[in-house]
Each structure stands twice: as C-alpha cells, then as structure tokens.
Amino acid sequence: MIENNHEVIRLFKTYVHPLSKKLSEMLNEHYSHQSERRGCGYTQATRVLAEYVNTPRNADDFSDLKLFDAWDTKNLRRILDLSNSYALQVQDWHNLDQQAAVQQFLASGEASDYRQSLAAESARFHDLREVKQKAMLEESQLICQVLEDVVLPKTAAETGLVELHPLTEKPKVGSCPMAEDFFLKIAHRYLLRQGEINVFVDDQQQPLLMEKMNMGDNHSCISLQPLIMNGVRLPAGSLFSVDYEIDQIADKRPNKEFKGYVMHHSAINGFWFLRLTTLAVSPENRKRAFSTHFEQQVNNGLYSPGTTELNQLKNVALSQVG
C-alpha cells in the first residue's frame, strides 16, 4: 500500500515520477538493507545516490534517469534530436524547463506534437523543483534535494556554495555504519593519542570539512557546511573521502590545538562523496531517519550518537583555524 511507503516514495509517485524499485526498496527499509555492513535502507539509499553525485552531468547521457522507475526517455531524446528543426538548439536535457529558448517556444503557443512533448517534460521538471517543499520530514528533504539536483544540476554561482573538485576514481576509504565513530568523539574533543585532524577551509578561512587521520580509515572526512559537487548540493554532515599527499601541500599551517593542519580545499586533488552520516539529520529526528543504523551505533557504544550535533564538530574546526 502506498500509505506505508516512505514519504519520498509517496511524493515522487504523486507529483513527479515513481522512483526505481531498488531505491524504493531501500527507503522502505527492506530487511536486506538493514545489515551490519549497510546500516539501514536510508543510509544505503544515500550510497546509491553517491554513484550519481560522483559522476559529472552529461548533456547527452540519460543514465541519471535510472534513479526512476521506467522513465521513458523517448520524449527527451526526440526533443534533443528535433530541436534544430524548431530553431531551439536544445543541447542538454538537464534543466530543460529553465532554458530561455524552450520557455519562449512554449509561450508562443504553436501547436504540435513536439510542443506537447516539450511541455510535458518541462512540467515534470518544474514539479521536481517543487517536490522538496512538499516534504515534511527532515530526512526526506535531504533526499529530495539530491534527487532534484541530479536531474536539475545547480552551479556554485547560483547557490552561493563552495564547489568541491571531484575525484575521477574512488579512494580506498570505507563508508560502514561505524564511520561516524571517531567524528562523534572529536565533536567532544576526544582524540586518540596518535590521532590527527585536518581542516579544509574556504577563501574566508571558514571550515568546510574535517578529515581524520590515524583514527579508523585515513582520509575520511565530514562536511561542516553545505557544499556542491558535479551540480549537486550536498548537506552538512556528508561523508567524503579525499586523495592527496600532505608533504606536497605547500600552503598549510598547523592547527591551533590538535595535531594536523589547516589547508584550502582547492589544495588537494579532490573529493569523493560516500554517503550521508547520521549527523546530517538533527538529533531529534536521527533515530527515525536512520533506524537500524542508529540502533547499531547505540548498541556498539558510540559516543553520544543521539545527542551530538554537527555544530560541535564545527566549533572544534573553528578552534583549529584560530
């Protein structure tokens, strides 16, 4: 029954287009996704979305639409193929509804099958832009935004967000449900003796991400601000991996308090989005959003997984920048 479906599934089925069976199964917390390695279906869904986030948007590739259940691409292909015949020159199906030439053509009112196809796809894209506003749950809003941006990519200029340089290959850094472990400890200013943290900053020396070293997987980092990569906005509390050699970073300075360095985000090779962490959702909604993943953190004795806030990590980062 649709009433029992996750809010995101209901919203897309009602207002845009049904999500893929795989993504729906995850968001509905099928038991197969509540394993020790996966954590919960919601977490696993953000890993699936990561596959799209890490891939640059391609003007003539329709792979992004595999996130949906049988989204028929014939209309979109026809729109691209015949655009020159209508003096439109549509070169990218992404953001179709906001292209000036398309809007002018639709406003002209010229009746044709082509115009009908163009109007239908534009309307669906418009509905996709609105769907996040209909979501009541915090965790639903996060998923809706990522889904929106994969199809309707944004720019750093229009969002005001810092753009991360993406890596072309995934580094060997894990994203298991316990990846939050040391970040939770760091938020309470507890580091292992050999532990280090590196803080990546923007032009104004504001912390963007924090990386941990010698505590679990090296080169695992968490975002402290909303960021954008490959046209997709990613919320604070996103888990990334990074790739660089610290000895090759000339413009770095030691942290004020803990071992490690402060460096500009552009000084490193790039980033790879792994998934959302439990810290991406407010403490009061965390248990509902992450279900068995959150329970696993509690049962494994992680440091205050139900009350720790991302702001605590941000404050630790700020005290390193000075």
C-alpha atoms as a PDB file:
ATOM      1  CA  MET A   1       0.000   0.000   0.000  1.00  0.00           C
ATOM      2  CA  ILE A   2       1.294   3.451  -0.907  1.00  0.00           C
ATOM      3  CA  GLU A   3       0.300   4.773   2.563  1.00  0.00           C
ATOM      4  CA  ASN A   4       3.024   2.614   4.119  1.00  0.00           C
ATOM      5  CA  ASN A   5       5.713   3.875   1.771  1.00  0.00           C
ATOM      6  CA  HIS A   6       8.461   6.279   2.801  1.00  0.00           C
ATOM      7  CA  GLU A   7       7.473   9.919   2.356  1.00  0.00           C
ATOM      8  CA  VAL A   8       9.976  10.406  -0.505  1.00  0.00           C
ATOM      9  CA  ILE A   9       8.467   7.488  -2.433  1.00  0.00           C
ATOM     10  CA  ARG A  10       4.947   8.866  -1.979  1.00  0.00           C
ATOM     11  CA  LEU A  11       5.953  12.367  -3.071  1.00  0.00           C
ATOM     12  CA  PHE A  12       7.682  11.256  -6.247  1.00  0.00           C
ATOM     13  CA  LYS A  13       4.900   8.837  -7.187  1.00  0.00           C
ATOM     14  CA  THR A  14       2.283  11.554  -6.680  1.00  0.00           C
ATOM     15  CA  TYR A  15       3.990  14.640  -8.075  1.00  0.00           C
ATOM     16  CA  VAL A  16       6.910  13.683 -10.343  1.00  0.00           C
ATOM     17  CA  HIS A  17       7.598  10.069 -11.340  1.00  0.00           C
ATOM     18  CA  PRO A  18       7.979   6.836  -9.330  1.00  0.00           C
ATOM     19  CA  LEU A  19      11.460   6.098  -8.019  1.00  0.00           C
ATOM     20  CA  SER A  20      13.386   2.999  -9.086  1.00  0.00           C
ATOM     21  CA  LYS A  21      12.447  -0.260  -7.408  1.00  0.00           C
ATOM     22  CA  LYS A  22      15.910  -0.514  -5.849  1.00  0.00           C
ATOM     23  CA  LEU A  23      15.761   2.962  -4.317  1.00  0.00           C
ATOM     24  CA  SER A  24      12.169   2.419  -3.139  1.00  0.00           C
ATOM     25  CA  GLU A  25      13.120  -0.868  -1.508  1.00  0.00           C
ATOM     26  CA  MET A  26      15.913   0.882   0.387  1.00  0.00           C
ATOM     27  CA  LEU A  27      13.823   3.829   1.535  1.00  0.00           C
ATOM     28  CA  ASN A  28      11.127   1.402   2.693  1.00  0.00           C
ATOM     29  CA  GLU A  29      13.764  -0.278   4.890  1.00  0.00           C
ATOM     30  CA  HIS A  30      13.659  -3.758   3.396  1.00  0.00           C
ATOM     31  CA  TYR A  31      15.413  -6.075   5.860  1.00  0.00           C
ATOM     32  CA  SER A  32      18.158  -6.914   3.318  1.00  0.00           C
ATOM     33  CA  HIS A  33      19.440  -3.343   3.676  1.00  0.00           C
ATOM     34  CA  GLN A  34      19.457  -3.391   7.477  1.00  0.00           C
ATOM     35  CA  SER A  35      22.585  -5.499   7.708  1.00  0.00           C
ATOM     36  CA  GLU A  36      25.652  -4.852   9.836  1.00  0.00           C
ATOM     37  CA  ARG A  37      27.579  -3.550   6.831  1.00  0.00           C
ATOM     38  CA  ARG A  38      24.822  -1.476   5.245  1.00  0.00           C
ATOM     39  CA  GLY A  39      23.320   0.004   8.411  1.00  0.00           C
ATOM     40  CA  CYS A  40      19.833   0.757   7.121  1.00  0.00           C
ATOM     41  CA  GLY A  41      17.957   1.323   3.905  1.00  0.00           C
ATOM     42  CA  TYR A  42      18.112   5.110   4.213  1.00  0.00           C
ATOM     43  CA  THR A  43      21.901   5.001   4.539  1.00  0.00           C
ATOM     44  CA  GLN A  44      22.132   2.588   1.629  1.00  0.00           C
ATOM     45  CA  ALA A  45      19.934   4.878  -0.479  1.00  0.00           C
ATOM     46  CA  THR A  46      22.419   7.709   0.050  1.00  0.00           C
ATOM     47  CA  ARG A  47      25.220   5.381  -1.105  1.00  0.00           C
ATOM     48  CA  VAL A  48      23.250   4.726  -4.306  1.00  0.00           C
ATOM     49  CA  LEU A  49      22.787   8.459  -4.794  1.00  0.00           C
ATOM     50  CA  ALA A  50      26.551   8.859  -4.292  1.00  0.00           C
ATOM     51  CA  GLU A  51      27.145   6.911  -7.514  1.00  0.00           C
ATOM     52  CA  TYR A  52      25.334   9.697  -9.369  1.00  0.00           C
ATOM     53  CA  VAL A  53      26.790  12.576  -7.350  1.00  0.00           C
ATOM     54  CA  ASN A  54      30.341  11.445  -8.166  1.00  0.00           C
ATOM     55  CA  THR A  55      29.590  11.299 -11.899  1.00  0.00           C
ATOM     56  CA  PRO A  56      29.657  14.605 -13.828  1.00  0.00           C
ATOM     57  CA  ARG A  57      26.382  15.500 -15.538  1.00  0.00           C
ATOM     58  CA  ASN A  58      26.487  14.563 -19.224  1.00  0.00           C
ATOM     59  CA  ALA A  59      24.399  16.531 -21.734  1.00  0.00           C
ATOM     60  CA  ASP A  60      23.500  13.582 -23.978  1.00  0.00           C
ATOM     61  CA  ASP A  61      23.529  10.726 -21.454  1.00  0.00           C
ATOM     62  CA  PHE A  62      20.273   9.650 -19.819  1.00  0.00           C
ATOM     63  CA  SER A  63      21.817   7.437 -17.118  1.00  0.00           C
ATOM     64  CA  ASP A  64      20.728   9.872 -14.397  1.00  0.00           C
ATOM     65  CA  LEU A  65      17.132   8.840 -15.032  1.00  0.00           C
ATOM     66  CA  LYS A  66      17.880   5.281 -13.857  1.00  0.00           C
ATOM     67  CA  LEU A  67      17.065   6.625 -10.397  1.00  0.00           C
ATOM     68  CA  PHE A  68      13.437   6.435 -11.531  1.00  0.00           C
ATOM     69  CA  ASP A  69      11.201   3.548 -12.484  1.00  0.00           C
ATOM     70  CA  ALA A  70      10.986   3.275 -16.263  1.00  0.00           C
ATOM     71  CA  TRP A  71      11.231   6.999 -17.018  1.00  0.00           C
ATOM     72  CA  ASP A  72      10.652   6.846 -20.767  1.00  0.00           C
ATOM     73  CA  THR A  73      13.475   8.794 -22.404  1.00  0.00           C
ATOM     74  CA  LYS A  74      11.918   8.731 -25.900  1.00  0.00           C
ATOM     75  CA  ASN A  75      10.354  12.166 -25.378  1.00  0.00           C
ATOM     76  CA  LEU A  76      13.610  13.700 -24.206  1.00  0.00           C
ATOM     77  CA  ARG A  77      15.625  12.082 -26.990  1.00  0.00           C
ATOM     78  CA  ARG A  78      13.111  13.361 -29.538  1.00  0.00           C
ATOM     79  CA  ILE A  79      13.279  16.853 -28.031  1.00  0.00           C
ATOM     80  CA  LEU A  80      17.062  16.891 -28.457  1.00  0.00           C
ATOM     81  CA  ASP A  81      17.054  15.300 -31.916  1.00  0.00           C
ATOM     82  CA  LEU A  82      14.416  17.616 -33.395  1.00  0.00           C
ATOM     83  CA  SER A  83      15.327  20.837 -31.582  1.00  0.00           C
ATOM     84  CA  ASN A  84      17.224  22.260 -34.565  1.00  0.00           C
ATOM     85  CA  SER A  85      14.135  21.818 -36.738  1.00  0.00           C
ATOM     86  CA  TYR A  86      12.323  24.196 -34.405  1.00  0.00           C
ATOM     87  CA  ALA A  87      15.277  26.611 -34.114  1.00  0.00           C
ATOM     88  CA  LEU A  88      15.642  25.673 -30.441  1.00  0.00           C
ATOM     89  CA  GLN A  89      19.150  24.168 -30.284  1.00  0.00           C
ATOM     90  CA  VAL A  90      18.495  22.237 -27.072  1.00  0.00           C
ATOM     91  CA  GLN A  91      21.845  20.594 -26.296  1.00  0.00           C
ATOM     92  CA  ASP A  92      21.244  19.341 -22.771  1.00  0.00           C
ATOM     93  CA  TRP A  93      18.084  17.737 -21.396  1.00  0.00           C
ATOM     94  CA  HIS A  94      19.028  18.660 -17.812  1.00  0.00           C
ATOM     95  CA  ASN A  95      17.273  21.845 -16.652  1.00  0.00           C
ATOM     96  CA  LEU A  96      15.177  21.763 -19.815  1.00  0.00           C
ATOM     97  CA  ASP A  97      12.374  23.727 -18.166  1.00  0.00           C
ATOM     98  CA  GLN A  98      14.585  26.743 -17.440  1.00  0.00           C
ATOM     99  CA  GLN A  99      16.208  27.142 -20.830  1.00  0.00           C
ATOM    100  CA  ALA A 100      15.195  30.513 -22.266  1.00  0.00           C
ATOM    101  CA  ALA A 101      14.647  29.228 -25.810  1.00  0.00           C
ATOM    102  CA  VAL A 102      12.361  26.479 -24.521  1.00  0.00           C
ATOM    103  CA  GLN A 103      10.310  28.906 -22.435  1.00  0.00           C
ATOM    104  CA  GLN A 104       9.906  31.243 -25.418  1.00  0.00           C
ATOM    105  CA  PHE A 105       8.866  28.365 -27.678  1.00  0.00           C
ATOM    106  CA  LEU A 106       6.249  27.153 -25.188  1.00  0.00           C
ATOM    107  CA  ALA A 107       4.951  30.685 -24.695  1.00  0.00           C
ATOM    108  CA  SER A 108       4.456  31.074 -28.449  1.00  0.00           C
ATOM    109  CA  GLY A 109       1.563  28.630 -28.290  1.00  0.00           C
ATOM    110  CA  GLU A 110       2.445  26.937 -31.573  1.00  0.00           C
ATOM    111  CA  ALA A 111       0.511  23.647 -31.610  1.00  0.00           C
ATOM    112  CA  SER A 112       2.442  20.469 -32.475  1.00  0.00           C
ATOM    113  CA  ASP A 113       3.301  17.043 -31.082  1.00  0.00           C
ATOM    114  CA  TYR A 114       6.787  18.382 -30.447  1.00  0.00           C
ATOM    115  CA  ARG A 115       5.461  21.253 -28.363  1.00  0.00           C
ATOM    116  CA  GLN A 116       3.273  18.818 -26.439  1.00  0.00           C
ATOM    117  CA  SER A 117       6.302  16.628 -25.606  1.00  0.00           C
ATOM    118  CA  LEU A 118       8.332  19.669 -24.612  1.00  0.00           C
ATOM    119  CA  ALA A 119       5.539  20.986 -22.392  1.00  0.00           C
ATOM    120  CA  ALA A 120       5.102  17.595 -20.682  1.00  0.00           C
ATOM    121  CA  GLU A 121       8.795  17.207 -19.818  1.00  0.00           C
ATOM    122  CA  SER A 122       9.111  20.850 -18.755  1.00  0.00           C
ATOM    123  CA  ALA A 123       6.122  20.459 -16.446  1.00  0.00           C
ATOM    124  CA  ARG A 124       7.611  17.325 -14.895  1.00  0.00           C
ATOM    125  CA  PHE A 125      10.914  19.110 -14.290  1.00  0.00           C
ATOM    126  CA  HIS A 126       9.036  22.034 -12.747  1.00  0.00           C
ATOM    127  CA  ASP A 127       7.265  19.614 -10.397  1.00  0.00           C
ATOM    128  CA  LEU A 128      10.618  18.082  -9.488  1.00  0.00           C
ATOM    129  CA  ARG A 129      11.851  21.549  -8.434  1.00  0.00           C
ATOM    130  CA  GLU A 130       8.868  21.873  -6.099  1.00  0.00           C
ATOM    131  CA  VAL A 131       8.812  18.420  -4.517  1.00  0.00           C
ATOM    132  CA  LYS A 132      11.264  19.177  -1.687  1.00  0.00           C
ATOM    133  CA  GLN A 133       8.923  21.902  -0.423  1.00  0.00           C
ATOM    134  CA  LYS A 134       6.194  19.283  -0.003  1.00  0.00           C
ATOM    135  CA  ALA A 135       8.339  17.046   2.219  1.00  0.00           C
ATOM    136  CA  MET A 136       7.523  17.267   5.921  1.00  0.00           C
ATOM    137  CA  LEU A 137      10.368  15.123   7.251  1.00  0.00           C
ATOM    138  CA  GLU A 138      13.892  16.498   7.532  1.00  0.00           C
ATOM    139  CA  GLU A 139      15.477  13.331   6.117  1.00  0.00           C
ATOM    140  CA  SER A 140      13.046  13.388   3.167  1.00  0.00           C
ATOM    141  CA  GLN A 141      14.063  16.939   2.291  1.00  0.00           C
ATOM    142  CA  LEU A 142      17.707  15.854   2.092  1.00  0.00           C
ATOM    143  CA  ILE A 143      16.952  13.013  -0.326  1.00  0.00           C
ATOM    144  CA  CYS A 144      14.570  15.131  -2.420  1.00  0.00           C
ATOM    145  CA  GLN A 145      17.235  17.804  -2.872  1.00  0.00           C
ATOM    146  CA  VAL A 146      19.865  15.354  -4.113  1.00  0.00           C
ATOM    147  CA  LEU A 147      17.385  13.696  -6.490  1.00  0.00           C
ATOM    148  CA  GLU A 148      16.366  17.112  -7.807  1.00  0.00           C
ATOM    149  CA  ASP A 149      19.940  18.231  -8.453  1.00  0.00           C
ATOM    150  CA  VAL A 150      20.982  15.089 -10.302  1.00  0.00           C
ATOM    151  CA  VAL A 151      18.329  15.890 -12.933  1.00  0.00           C
ATOM    152  CA  LEU A 152      18.368  19.662 -12.478  1.00  0.00           C
ATOM    153  CA  PRO A 153      22.018  20.471 -11.665  1.00  0.00           C
ATOM    154  CA  LYS A 154      22.877  23.753  -9.973  1.00  0.00           C
ATOM    155  CA  THR A 155      26.001  25.935 -10.094  1.00  0.00           C
ATOM    156  CA  ALA A 156      28.185  27.367  -7.366  1.00  0.00           C
ATOM    157  CA  ALA A 157      27.280  30.857  -8.605  1.00  0.00           C
ATOM    158  CA  GLU A 158      23.510  30.423  -8.290  1.00  0.00           C
ATOM    159  CA  THR A 159      23.648  28.609  -4.944  1.00  0.00           C
ATOM    160  CA  GLY A 160      26.471  30.559  -3.292  1.00  0.00           C
ATOM    161  CA  LEU A 161      28.003  27.242  -2.201  1.00  0.00           C
ATOM    162  CA  VAL A 162      31.658  26.274  -2.424  1.00  0.00           C
ATOM    163  CA  GLU A 163      32.271  23.797  -5.249  1.00  0.00           C
ATOM    164  CA  LEU A 164      34.380  20.753  -4.484  1.00  0.00           C
ATOM    165  CA  HIS A 165      36.669  19.309  -7.121  1.00  0.00           C
ATOM    166  CA  PRO A 166      35.557  15.705  -7.742  1.00  0.00           C
ATOM    167  CA  LEU A 167      37.925  12.764  -7.999  1.00  0.00           C
ATOM    168  CA  THR A 168      37.674  10.509 -11.043  1.00  0.00           C
ATOM    169  CA  GLU A 169      38.293   7.324  -9.045  1.00  0.00           C
ATOM    170  CA  LYS A 170      37.059   6.226  -5.636  1.00  0.00           C
ATOM    171  CA  PRO A 171      39.804   6.110  -2.988  1.00  0.00           C
ATOM    172  CA  LYS A 172      40.033   3.056  -0.714  1.00  0.00           C
ATOM    173  CA  VAL A 173      38.074   4.585   2.143  1.00  0.00           C
ATOM    174  CA  GLY A 174      35.108   2.772   3.667  1.00  0.00           C
ATOM    175  CA  SER A 175      31.618   4.016   4.485  1.00  0.00           C
ATOM    176  CA  CYS A 176      30.498   1.407   7.029  1.00  0.00           C
ATOM    177  CA  PRO A 177      27.827   2.354   9.603  1.00  0.00           C
ATOM    178  CA  MET A 178      30.545   2.924  12.232  1.00  0.00           C
ATOM    179  CA  ALA A 179      32.362   5.580  10.164  1.00  0.00           C
ATOM    180  CA  GLU A 180      30.823   8.209  12.463  1.00  0.00           C
ATOM    181  CA  ASP A 181      32.606   6.724  15.488  1.00  0.00           C
ATOM    182  CA  PHE A 182      35.656   8.987  15.645  1.00  0.00           C
ATOM    183  CA  PHE A 183      33.832  12.068  14.384  1.00  0.00           C
ATOM    184  CA  LEU A 184      31.460  11.740  17.346  1.00  0.00           C
ATOM    185  CA  LYS A 185      34.460  11.563  19.683  1.00  0.00           C
ATOM    186  CA  ILE A 186      36.169  14.519  18.006  1.00  0.00           C
ATOM    187  CA  ALA A 187      32.970  16.553  18.469  1.00  0.00           C
ATOM    188  CA  HIS A 188      33.507  16.090  22.217  1.00  0.00           C
ATOM    189  CA  ARG A 189      37.221  16.959  21.842  1.00  0.00           C
ATOM    190  CA  TYR A 190      38.371  13.404  22.371  1.00  0.00           C
ATOM    191  CA  LEU A 191      41.126  12.248  20.008  1.00  0.00           C
ATOM    192  CA  LEU A 192      43.281   9.149  20.136  1.00  0.00           C
ATOM    193  CA  ARG A 193      46.870   9.899  21.138  1.00  0.00           C
ATOM    194  CA  GLN A 194      48.117   9.287  17.595  1.00  0.00           C
ATOM    195  CA  GLY A 195      45.056  10.933  16.062  1.00  0.00           C
ATOM    196  CA  GLU A 196      45.148  13.988  13.816  1.00  0.00           C
ATOM    197  CA  ILE A 197      42.513  16.177  12.238  1.00  0.00           C
ATOM    198  CA  ASN A 198      42.891  18.288   9.118  1.00  0.00           C
ATOM    199  CA  VAL A 199      40.540  21.171   8.399  1.00  0.00           C
ATOM    200  CA  PHE A 200      39.762  22.237   4.828  1.00  0.00           C
ATOM    201  CA  VAL A 201      38.728  25.887   4.582  1.00  0.00           C
ATOM    202  CA  ASP A 202      37.291  28.329   2.034  1.00  0.00           C
ATOM    203  CA  ASP A 203      38.659  31.710   0.880  1.00  0.00           C
ATOM    204  CA  GLN A 204      37.431  33.319   4.110  1.00  0.00           C
ATOM    205  CA  GLN A 205      39.159  30.675   6.243  1.00  0.00           C
ATOM    206  CA  GLN A 206      35.809  29.195   7.237  1.00  0.00           C
ATOM    207  CA  PRO A 207      35.912  25.415   7.868  1.00  0.00           C
ATOM    208  CA  LEU A 208      34.232  23.387   5.121  1.00  0.00           C
ATOM    209  CA  LEU A 209      35.277  19.849   6.008  1.00  0.00           C
ATOM    210  CA  MET A 210      37.163  17.974   8.698  1.00  0.00           C
ATOM    211  CA  GLU A 211      39.373  14.987   7.931  1.00  0.00           C
ATOM    212  CA  LYS A 212      40.536  12.402  10.463  1.00  0.00           C
ATOM    213  CA  MET A 213      43.872  10.622  10.351  1.00  0.00           C
ATOM    214  CA  ASN A 214      45.181   7.655  12.368  1.00  0.00           C
ATOM    215  CA  MET A 215      41.680   7.003  13.692  1.00  0.00           C
ATOM    216  CA  GLY A 216      39.960   4.339  11.643  1.00  0.00           C
ATOM    217  CA  ASP A 217      40.169   4.907   7.885  1.00  0.00           C
ATOM    218  CA  ASN A 218      42.551   7.690   6.911  1.00  0.00           C
ATOM    219  CA  HIS A 219      41.367  10.392   4.509  1.00  0.00           C
ATOM    220  CA  SER A 220      37.762  10.093   5.682  1.00  0.00           C
ATOM    221  CA  CYS A 221      36.168  13.498   6.137  1.00  0.00           C
ATOM    222  CA  ILE A 222      32.839  15.068   7.031  1.00  0.00           C
ATOM    223  CA  SER A 223      31.385  18.277   5.628  1.00  0.00           C
ATOM    224  CA  LEU A 224      30.668  21.096   8.070  1.00  0.00           C
ATOM    225  CA  GLN A 225      28.807  23.300   5.576  1.00  0.00           C
ATOM    226  CA  PRO A 226      26.501  22.603   2.617  1.00  0.00           C
ATOM    227  CA  LEU A 227      28.667  22.142  -0.498  1.00  0.00           C
ATOM    228  CA  ILE A 228      28.173  21.488  -4.206  1.00  0.00           C
ATOM    229  CA  MET A 229      29.815  18.878  -6.426  1.00  0.00           C
ATOM    230  CA  ASN A 230      29.015  17.943 -10.025  1.00  0.00           C
ATOM    231  CA  GLY A 231      25.968  20.221  -9.841  1.00  0.00           C
ATOM    232  CA  VAL A 232      24.509  18.503  -6.767  1.00  0.00           C
ATOM    233  CA  ARG A 233      24.044  20.287  -3.429  1.00  0.00           C
ATOM    234  CA  LEU A 234      25.205  18.138  -0.527  1.00  0.00           C
ATOM    235  CA  PRO A 235      24.180  18.909   3.052  1.00  0.00           C
ATOM    236  CA  ALA A 236      26.477  19.446   6.000  1.00  0.00           C
ATOM    237  CA  GLY A 237      27.140  16.063   7.569  1.00  0.00           C
ATOM    238  CA  SER A 238      28.056  14.369   4.282  1.00  0.00           C
ATOM    239  CA  LEU A 239      30.835  11.771   4.373  1.00  0.00           C
ATOM    240  CA  PHE A 240      33.640  12.146   1.838  1.00  0.00           C
ATOM    241  CA  SER A 241      36.989  10.600   1.095  1.00  0.00           C
ATOM    242  CA  VAL A 242      39.908  12.660  -0.168  1.00  0.00           C
ATOM    243  CA  ASP A 243      43.138  11.951  -2.005  1.00  0.00           C
ATOM    244  CA  TYR A 244      46.404  13.864  -1.585  1.00  0.00           C
ATOM    245  CA  GLU A 245      49.889  13.685  -0.106  1.00  0.00           C
ATOM    246  CA  ILE A 246      50.317  16.016   2.854  1.00  0.00           C
ATOM    247  CA  ASP A 247      54.019  16.555   2.036  1.00  0.00           C
ATOM    248  CA  GLN A 248      53.032  18.008  -1.317  1.00  0.00           C
ATOM    249  CA  ILE A 249      50.730  20.668   0.178  1.00  0.00           C
ATOM    250  CA  ALA A 250      52.875  23.784   0.416  1.00  0.00           C
ATOM    251  CA  ASP A 251      50.266  26.202   1.714  1.00  0.00           C
ATOM    252  CA  LYS A 252      49.247  24.609   5.020  1.00  0.00           C
ATOM    253  CA  ARG A 253      49.550  25.647   8.642  1.00  0.00           C
ATOM    254  CA  PRO A 254      49.429  23.690  11.880  1.00  0.00           C
ATOM    255  CA  ASN A 255      46.207  23.513  13.876  1.00  0.00           C
ATOM    256  CA  LYS A 256      45.988  25.734  16.954  1.00  0.00           C
ATOM    257  CA  GLU A 257      45.028  22.898  19.295  1.00  0.00           C
ATOM    258  CA  PHE A 258      45.223  19.344  17.914  1.00  0.00           C
ATOM    259  CA  LYS A 259      47.751  17.614  15.665  1.00  0.00           C
ATOM    260  CA  GLY A 260      47.068  18.240  11.997  1.00  0.00           C
ATOM    261  CA  TYR A 261      46.785  21.104   9.557  1.00  0.00           C
ATOM    262  CA  VAL A 262      44.521  23.785   8.143  1.00  0.00           C
ATOM    263  CA  MET A 263      44.549  23.980   4.330  1.00  0.00           C
ATOM    264  CA  HIS A 264      42.468  25.380   1.487  1.00  0.00           C
ATOM    265  CA  HIS A 265      40.049  22.879  -0.048  1.00  0.00           C
ATOM    266  CA  SER A 266      41.481  23.504  -3.525  1.00  0.00           C
ATOM    267  CA  ALA A 267      44.992  22.469  -2.459  1.00  0.00           C
ATOM    268  CA  ILE A 268      44.137  18.776  -2.618  1.00  0.00           C
ATOM    269  CA  ASN A 269      43.435  16.518  -5.596  1.00  0.00           C
ATOM    270  CA  GLY A 270      39.720  16.173  -4.989  1.00  0.00           C
ATOM    271  CA  PHE A 271      36.831  14.632  -3.083  1.00  0.00           C
ATOM    272  CA  TRP A 272      34.599  11.561  -3.379  1.00  0.00           C
ATOM    273  CA  PHE A 273      31.120  11.591  -1.807  1.00  0.00           C
ATOM    274  CA  LEU A 274      30.400   8.388   0.122  1.00  0.00           C
ATOM    275  CA  ARG A 275      27.028   8.837   1.881  1.00  0.00           C
ATOM    276  CA  LEU A 276      25.159  10.940   4.415  1.00  0.00           C
ATOM    277  CA  THR A 277      26.224  10.472   8.012  1.00  0.00           C
ATOM    278  CA  THR A 278      23.760  10.313  10.878  1.00  0.00           C
ATOM    279  CA  LEU A 279      24.993  13.804  11.840  1.00  0.00           C
ATOM    280  CA  ALA A 280      23.342  15.193   8.686  1.00  0.00           C
ATOM    281  CA  VAL A 281      19.998  14.861  10.486  1.00  0.00           C
ATOM    282  CA  SER A 282      19.070  16.696  13.703  1.00  0.00           C
ATOM    283  CA  PRO A 283      19.364  14.625  16.914  1.00  0.00           C
ATOM    284  CA  GLU A 284      15.597  14.630  17.442  1.00  0.00           C
ATOM    285  CA  ASN A 285      14.987  13.043  14.021  1.00  0.00           C
ATOM    286  CA  ARG A 286      18.059  10.821  13.797  1.00  0.00           C
ATOM    287  CA  LYS A 287      16.553   7.619  15.179  1.00  0.00           C
ATOM    288  CA  ARG A 288      13.558   7.842  12.838  1.00  0.00           C
ATOM    289  CA  ALA A 289      15.693   8.629   9.779  1.00  0.00           C
ATOM    290  CA  PHE A 290      18.447   6.049  10.279  1.00  0.00           C
ATOM    291  CA  SER A 291      16.514   3.311  12.122  1.00  0.00           C
ATOM    292  CA  THR A 292      18.751   0.216  12.418  1.00  0.00           C
ATOM    293  CA  HIS A 293      21.901   2.180  11.517  1.00  0.00           C
ATOM    294  CA  PHE A 294      21.308   4.444  14.504  1.00  0.00           C
ATOM    295  CA  GLU A 295      20.458   1.456  16.723  1.00  0.00           C
ATOM    296  CA  GLN A 296      23.721  -0.158  15.662  1.00  0.00           C
ATOM    297  CA  GLN A 297      25.651   2.926  16.748  1.00  0.00           C
ATOM    298  CA  VAL A 298      23.910   2.892  20.140  1.00  0.00           C
ATOM    299  CA  ASN A 299      24.431  -0.859  20.631  1.00  0.00           C
ATOM    300  CA  ASN A 300      28.115  -0.541  19.738  1.00  0.00           C
ATOM    301  CA  GLY A 301      28.612   2.150  22.345  1.00  0.00           C
ATOM    302  CA  LEU A 302      29.456   5.055  20.045  1.00  0.00           C
ATOM    303  CA  TYR A 303      29.938   8.362  21.817  1.00  0.00           C
ATOM    304  CA  SER A 304      26.553  10.091  22.235  1.00  0.00           C
ATOM    305  CA  PRO A 305      25.157   9.301  18.758  1.00  0.00           C
ATOM    306  CA  GLY A 306      21.709  10.535  19.782  1.00  0.00           C
ATOM    307  CA  THR A 307      22.654  13.963  21.126  1.00  0.00           C
ATOM    308  CA  THR A 308      25.856  15.059  19.369  1.00  0.00           C
ATOM    309  CA  GLU A 309      25.318  17.953  16.963  1.00  0.00           C
ATOM    310  CA  LEU A 310      27.282  18.869  13.872  1.00  0.00           C
ATOM    311  CA  ASN A 311      27.862  22.326  15.350  1.00  0.00           C
ATOM    312  CA  GLN A 312      30.097  20.729  17.979  1.00  0.00           C
ATOM    313  CA  LEU A 313      32.383  19.439  15.222  1.00  0.00           C
ATOM    314  CA  LYS A 314      32.250  22.835  13.540  1.00  0.00           C
ATOM    315  CA  ASN A 315      33.353  24.509  16.768  1.00  0.00           C
ATOM    316  CA  VAL A 316      36.298  22.113  17.074  1.00  0.00           C
ATOM    317  CA  ALA A 317      37.282  23.001  13.498  1.00  0.00           C
ATOM    318  CA  LEU A 318      36.951  26.741  14.181  1.00  0.00           C
ATOM    319  CA  SER A 319      39.250  26.470  17.199  1.00  0.00           C
ATOM    320  CA  GLN A 320      41.948  24.932  14.957  1.00  0.00           C
ATOM    321  CA  VAL A 321      41.746  27.778  12.452  1.00  0.00           C
ATOM    322  CA  GLY A 322      42.036  30.375  15.213  1.00  0.00           C
END
